[in-house]
Amino acid sequence: MNICDFKNVLAKNNIILDTEPEESMTVSQLGLDSFDVMMLAYDLEEAAGKPLQLTLDSTVGEVMAKINDVQRV
């Protein structure tokens, strides 16, 4: 998954961002609330084929890394 894929998942959930997402931004900095996170987690888990631990404090980079099975240091 890359930023473009991430934005597509947001669009699928009717989440419109005020700013361009960056890997260092947290999900809450994108303006998502807990309901948005729940819906986003469902779609991302479906895309990843595994459960993800997505919170408001997760960064975009962490989310993409979890989906791509890459460990962030």
Protein backbone atom coordinates (compact mmCIF):
# COMPACT_ATOMS: atom_id res chain seq x y z
CA MET A 1 0.00 0.00 0.00
CA ASN A 2 1.16 3.51 -0.76
CA ILE A 3 -0.22 6.98 -0.05
CA CYS A 4 -2.39 6.87 -3.18
CA ASP A 5 -3.94 3.55 -2.10
CA PHE A 6 -4.49 4.97 1.39
CA LYS A 7 -6.28 8.00 -0.05
CA ASN A 8 -8.45 5.70 -2.17
CA VAL A 9 -9.56 3.78 0.92
CA LEU A 10 -10.40 7.10 2.59
CA ALA A 11 -12.41 8.19 -0.45
CA LYS A 12 -14.27 4.86 -0.45
CA ASN A 13 -15.35 5.70 3.10
CA ASN A 14 -16.39 9.23 2.10
CA ILE A 15 -13.58 10.71 4.18
CA ILE A 16 -12.47 14.00 2.65
CA LEU A 17 -9.15 15.38 3.87
CA ASP A 18 -8.30 19.04 4.31
CA THR A 19 -4.62 18.29 3.80
CA GLU A 20 -2.42 15.90 1.84
CA PRO A 21 -1.58 12.88 4.01
CA GLU A 22 2.06 12.30 4.89
CA GLU A 23 3.58 9.18 6.42
CA SER A 24 4.48 11.02 9.63
CA MET A 25 0.93 12.28 10.26
CA THR A 26 -1.29 10.52 12.78
CA VAL A 27 -4.74 9.39 11.81
CA SER A 28 -6.21 12.02 14.14
CA GLN A 29 -4.18 14.76 12.41
CA LEU A 30 -6.03 13.84 9.22
CA GLY A 31 -9.24 14.87 10.95
CA LEU A 32 -10.65 11.37 11.42
CA ASP A 33 -12.79 10.57 14.44
CA SER A 34 -13.23 7.22 16.17
CA PHE A 35 -16.09 6.17 13.86
CA ASP A 36 -13.97 7.00 10.80
CA VAL A 37 -11.14 4.92 12.27
CA MET A 38 -13.47 1.97 12.81
CA MET A 39 -14.67 2.09 9.20
CA LEU A 40 -11.16 2.65 7.87
CA ALA A 41 -9.81 -0.25 9.94
CA TYR A 42 -12.47 -2.56 8.51
CA ASP A 43 -11.51 -1.75 4.91
CA LEU A 44 -7.78 -1.82 5.60
CA GLU A 45 -8.05 -5.16 7.40
CA GLU A 46 -9.99 -6.52 4.45
CA ALA A 47 -7.29 -5.28 2.06
CA ALA A 48 -4.49 -6.66 4.26
CA GLY A 49 -6.21 -9.95 4.94
CA LYS A 50 -5.36 -9.71 8.62
CA PRO A 51 -6.38 -7.76 11.72
CA LEU A 52 -4.68 -4.41 12.27
CA GLN A 53 -4.38 -2.39 15.44
CA LEU A 54 -5.46 1.02 14.14
CA THR A 55 -5.89 3.90 16.58
CA LEU A 56 -6.16 7.67 16.34
CA ASP A 57 -2.46 7.82 17.29
CA SER A 58 -1.33 5.48 14.48
CA THR A 59 0.66 7.25 11.80
CA VAL A 60 -0.13 6.85 8.12
CA GLY A 61 3.32 5.28 7.69
CA GLU A 62 2.67 2.74 10.46
CA VAL A 63 -0.65 1.78 8.91
CA MET A 64 0.90 1.28 5.48
CA ALA A 65 3.81 -0.67 7.01
CA LYS A 66 1.42 -3.01 8.82
CA ILE A 67 -0.42 -3.67 5.60
CA ASN A 68 2.83 -4.19 3.70
CA ASP A 69 4.30 -6.38 6.49
CA VAL A 70 7.24 -4.01 6.93
CA GLN A 71 8.62 -3.29 10.37
CA ARG A 72 9.14 0.45 11.05
CA VAL A 73 12.07 1.42 13.24
